Structures are given as structure tokens and as C-alpha cells.
C-alpha atoms as a PDB file:
ATOM      1  CA  MET A   1      65.276 125.286 -55.255  1.00  0.00           C
ATOM      2  CA  SER A   2      66.035 128.771 -56.337  1.00  0.00           C
ATOM      3  CA  ALA A   3      67.351 131.794 -53.824  1.00  0.00           C
ATOM      4  CA  GLY A   4      64.170 133.413 -54.656  1.00  0.00           C
ATOM      5  CA  SER A   5      62.990 136.252 -57.077  1.00  0.00           C
ATOM      6  CA  GLY A   6      63.867 138.999 -54.787  1.00  0.00           C
ATOM      7  CA  PHE A   7      60.010 140.109 -53.972  1.00  0.00           C
ATOM      8  CA  LYS A   8      59.294 139.383 -50.281  1.00  0.00           C
ATOM      9  CA  PHE A   9      55.847 141.612 -49.680  1.00  0.00           C
ATOM     10  CA  GLU A  10      56.547 141.919 -46.044  1.00  0.00           C
ATOM     11  CA  ASP A  11      60.168 142.997 -46.441  1.00  0.00           C
ATOM     12  CA  HIS A  12      58.367 146.361 -48.262  1.00  0.00           C
ATOM     13  CA  ALA A  13      55.484 146.284 -45.503  1.00  0.00           C
ATOM     14  CA  THR A  14      58.007 146.244 -43.168  1.00  0.00           C
ATOM     15  CA  GLU A  15      60.290 149.064 -44.579  1.00  0.00           C
ATOM     16  CA  MET A  16      56.926 151.330 -44.536  1.00  0.00           C
ATOM     17  CA  GLN A  17      56.256 150.452 -41.175  1.00  0.00           C
ATOM     18  CA  ALA A  18      59.880 151.851 -40.281  1.00  0.00           C
ATOM     19  CA  ALA A  19      59.268 154.918 -41.842  1.00  0.00           C
ATOM     20  CA  ALA A  20      55.896 155.361 -40.732  1.00  0.00           C
ATOM     21  CA  MET A  21      57.671 155.179 -37.475  1.00  0.00           C
ATOM     22  CA  LEU A  22      60.312 157.336 -38.145  1.00  0.00           C
ATOM     23  CA  TYR A  23      58.206 160.036 -40.197  1.00  0.00           C
ATOM     24  CA  GLU A  24      58.707 163.595 -39.328  1.00  0.00           C
ATOM     25  CA  PRO A  25      56.582 165.627 -41.426  1.00  0.00           C
ATOM     26  CA  ASP A  26      57.751 169.024 -41.855  1.00  0.00           C
ATOM     27  CA  GLY A  27      54.977 170.860 -40.891  1.00  0.00           C
ATOM     28  CA  CYS A  28      51.051 169.843 -41.405  1.00  0.00           C
ATOM     29  CA  MET A  29      50.740 170.523 -45.061  1.00  0.00           C
ATOM     30  CA  GLU A  30      52.977 167.832 -45.761  1.00  0.00           C
ATOM     31  CA  ILE A  31      50.719 165.184 -43.935  1.00  0.00           C
ATOM     32  CA  LEU A  32      48.096 166.702 -45.814  1.00  0.00           C
ATOM     33  CA  ALA A  33      50.087 165.864 -48.713  1.00  0.00           C
ATOM     34  CA  MET A  34      50.128 162.527 -47.379  1.00  0.00           C
ATOM     35  CA  VAL A  35      47.250 162.072 -46.542  1.00  0.00           C
ATOM     36  CA  GLU A  36      45.661 163.038 -50.210  1.00  0.00           C
ATOM     37  CA  GLY A  37      47.931 160.230 -51.174  1.00  0.00           C
ATOM     38  CA  LEU A  38      46.587 157.249 -49.380  1.00  0.00           C
ATOM     39  CA  PRO A  39      43.651 156.149 -51.731  1.00  0.00           C
ATOM     40  CA  GLU A  40      46.115 155.946 -54.120  1.00  0.00           C
ATOM     41  CA  ALA A  41      48.653 154.371 -52.274  1.00  0.00           C
ATOM     42  CA  LEU A  42      46.112 151.895 -50.954  1.00  0.00           C
ATOM     43  CA  ALA A  43      44.453 151.332 -53.974  1.00  0.00           C
ATOM     44  CA  MET A  44      48.181 150.040 -55.444  1.00  0.00           C
ATOM     45  CA  VAL A  45      48.788 147.718 -52.944  1.00  0.00           C
ATOM     46  CA  ALA A  46      45.101 146.672 -53.604  1.00  0.00           C
ATOM     47  CA  HIS A  47      46.903 146.070 -57.166  1.00  0.00           C
ATOM     48  CA  VAL A  48      49.165 143.454 -55.939  1.00  0.00           C
ATOM     49  CA  MET A  49      47.019 141.122 -54.636  1.00  0.00           C
ATOM     50  CA  GLN A  50      44.994 141.744 -58.107  1.00  0.00           C
ATOM     51  CA  ILE A  51      48.098 141.048 -59.951  1.00  0.00           C
ATOM     52  CA  LEU A  52      48.647 138.001 -57.080  1.00  0.00           C
ATOM     53  CA  ALA A  53      45.096 136.239 -57.725  1.00  0.00           C
ATOM     54  CA  GLU A  54      45.073 136.763 -61.121  1.00  0.00           C
ATOM     55  CA  ARG A  55      49.037 134.961 -61.788  1.00  0.00           C
ATOM     56  CA  SER A  56      48.091 132.456 -58.886  1.00  0.00           C
ATOM     57  CA  ASP A  57      45.086 131.253 -61.324  1.00  0.00           C
ATOM     58  CA  SER A  58      46.997 131.466 -64.472  1.00  0.00           C
ATOM     59  CA  GLU A  59      50.747 131.096 -64.266  1.00  0.00           C
ATOM     60  CA  PHE A  60      51.489 129.448 -60.680  1.00  0.00           C
ATOM     61  CA  PRO A  61      51.245 125.869 -60.193  1.00  0.00           C
ATOM     62  CA  LEU A  62      48.579 127.293 -57.411  1.00  0.00           C
ATOM     63  CA  GLU A  63      45.053 125.613 -56.710  1.00  0.00           C
ATOM     64  CA  LYS A  64      42.025 128.252 -57.235  1.00  0.00           C
ATOM     65  CA  GLU A  65      41.096 128.640 -53.561  1.00  0.00           C
ATOM     66  CA  VAL A  66      45.018 130.533 -53.099  1.00  0.00           C
ATOM     67  CA  ALA A  67      43.742 132.943 -55.970  1.00  0.00           C
ATOM     68  CA  ASN A  68      40.281 133.584 -54.708  1.00  0.00           C
ATOM     69  CA  GLY A  69      41.971 134.386 -51.076  1.00  0.00           C
ATOM     70  CA  PHE A  70      44.323 136.620 -53.022  1.00  0.00           C
ATOM     71  CA  ASN A  71      41.314 138.166 -54.550  1.00  0.00           C
ATOM     72  CA  ASP A  72      39.268 138.454 -51.357  1.00  0.00           C
ATOM     73  CA  ILE A  73      42.479 140.029 -50.110  1.00  0.00           C
ATOM     74  CA  TYR A  74      42.392 142.696 -52.856  1.00  0.00           C
ATOM     75  CA  GLU A  75      38.172 143.323 -52.508  1.00  0.00           C
ATOM     76  CA  LEU A  76      39.257 144.430 -48.853  1.00  0.00           C
ATOM     77  CA  LEU A  77      42.203 146.477 -49.903  1.00  0.00           C
ATOM     78  CA  ARG A  78      40.030 148.255 -52.829  1.00  0.00           C
ATOM     79  CA  LYS A  79      37.534 149.210 -50.199  1.00  0.00           C
ATOM     80  CA  ALA A  80      40.266 150.171 -47.415  1.00  0.00           C
ATOM     81  CA  ALA A  81      41.414 152.526 -50.545  1.00  0.00           C
ATOM     82  CA  GLU A  82      37.693 153.790 -51.234  1.00  0.00           C
ATOM     83  CA  GLY A  83      37.121 154.342 -47.688  1.00  0.00           C
ATOM     84  CA  ALA A  84      40.579 156.614 -47.759  1.00  0.00           C
ATOM     85  CA  GLU A  85      39.192 159.384 -50.055  1.00  0.00           C
ATOM     86  CA  GLU A  86      36.484 160.611 -47.579  1.00  0.00           C
ATOM     87  CA  LEU A  87      39.617 161.547 -45.068  1.00  0.00           C
ATOM     88  CA  PRO A  88      41.555 164.063 -47.166  1.00  0.00           C
ATOM     89  CA  ALA A  89      37.671 166.195 -46.934  1.00  0.00           C
ATOM     90  CA  ILE A  90      37.764 165.560 -43.548  1.00  0.00           C
ATOM     91  CA  PHE A  91      41.291 166.663 -42.908  1.00  0.00           C
ATOM     92  CA  ARG A  92      40.636 170.165 -44.868  1.00  0.00           C
ATOM     93  CA  ARG A  93      37.231 170.836 -43.343  1.00  0.00           C
ATOM     94  CA  VAL A  94      38.707 170.489 -39.162  1.00  0.00           C
ATOM     95  CA  HIS A  95      41.795 172.323 -40.467  1.00  0.00           C
ATOM     96  CA  GLU A  96      40.134 174.588 -42.768  1.00  0.00           C
ATOM     97  CA  GLN A  97      41.540 178.149 -40.632  1.00  0.00           C
ATOM     98  CA  ASP A  98      44.790 176.112 -40.772  1.00  0.00           C
ATOM     99  CA  ILE A  99      44.963 175.619 -44.512  1.00  0.00           C
ATOM    100  CA  ALA A 100      43.575 179.062 -44.915  1.00  0.00           C
ATOM    101  CA  ARG A 101      46.531 180.513 -43.403  1.00  0.00           C
ATOM    102  CA  HIS A 102      49.003 178.739 -44.623  1.00  0.00           C
ATOM    103  CA  GLU A 103      47.978 179.209 -48.218  1.00  0.00           C
ATOM    104  CA  ASP A 104      47.163 183.134 -47.790  1.00  0.00           C
ATOM    105  CA  PRO A 105      49.105 184.218 -44.515  1.00  0.00           C
ATOM    106  CA  ARG A 106      48.663 187.585 -43.374  1.00  0.00           C
ATOM    107  CA  ASN A 107      51.551 190.150 -43.944  1.00  0.00           C
ATOM    108  CA  GLY A 108      53.605 186.978 -45.317  1.00  0.00           C
ATOM    109  CA  HIS A 109      54.881 183.759 -43.960  1.00  0.00           C
ATOM    110  CA  GLU A 110      57.352 185.425 -41.390  1.00  0.00           C
ATOM    111  CA  ALA A 111      54.845 187.708 -40.106  1.00  0.00           C
ATOM    112  CA  GLU A 112      52.302 184.562 -39.353  1.00  0.00           C
ATOM    113  CA  LYS A 113      55.259 182.984 -37.271  1.00  0.00           C
ATOM    114  CA  GLY A 114      54.344 185.380 -34.939  1.00  0.00           C
ATOM    115  CA  TRP A 115      51.338 183.132 -33.478  1.00  0.00           C
ATOM    116  CA  ASN A 116      53.538 181.174 -32.195  1.00  0.00           C
ATOM    117  CA  VAL A 117      51.197 178.670 -31.115  1.00  0.00           C
END
């Protein structure tokens, strides 16, 4: 028996969870950038499940039900990625004034800091 291939999905998920817990954004525009990247990130996680489904069906000595299970997870994650596409527009809509001030500050960024909200 080998020690393993080094691919343990739960290890990568644990790293992501820890990163989220320790996340200290440098301003809300950084949060916006993260939110805008969320659909692509979720699509990549979905793609991992798609790869595992395909490989389970064609390369690994597994029953079809296992490949089908990976494929079901892929479909759910793909739908989550599609749903995440709405969040950037929501973020931009509800923070429209904040974003406008950031993108076009009155008398420059230093002057805008005078509003210590």
C-alpha cells in the first residue's frame, strides 16, 4: 500500500476555512474583489468534482454509483457558482455610494478620510 498521492480534498478545504477565519481585508474594495472572484472559485471547486466523476468512471476501479455521486456534487456546486454570480451585483448596488466615494473621492483619498465613519 502506498502512503498516498498527496491529494486530500479535506486538507485543502481546511486551509480555505482557516484562511476565511483569519481573513482581515484591507478595506471593503478588497471584499468586493473577493466577492467578484467567488463565482469562478466555486466553479473551480465544481470542476474538481467533475474531474473526479470522470476519472472514477473511466480510470479508477470504482462502481458507477460513485462516479454518479461525484457528478451529483458537481451539479450542485455548479449551481452554487451560478448563484454566486448575483452577489457582486448585489454588493455593488447596496454599496453604490461607498464604492463611488472610493473610486472618485472628493479632493483625493486623504481628504475623504476626514469622514471618519
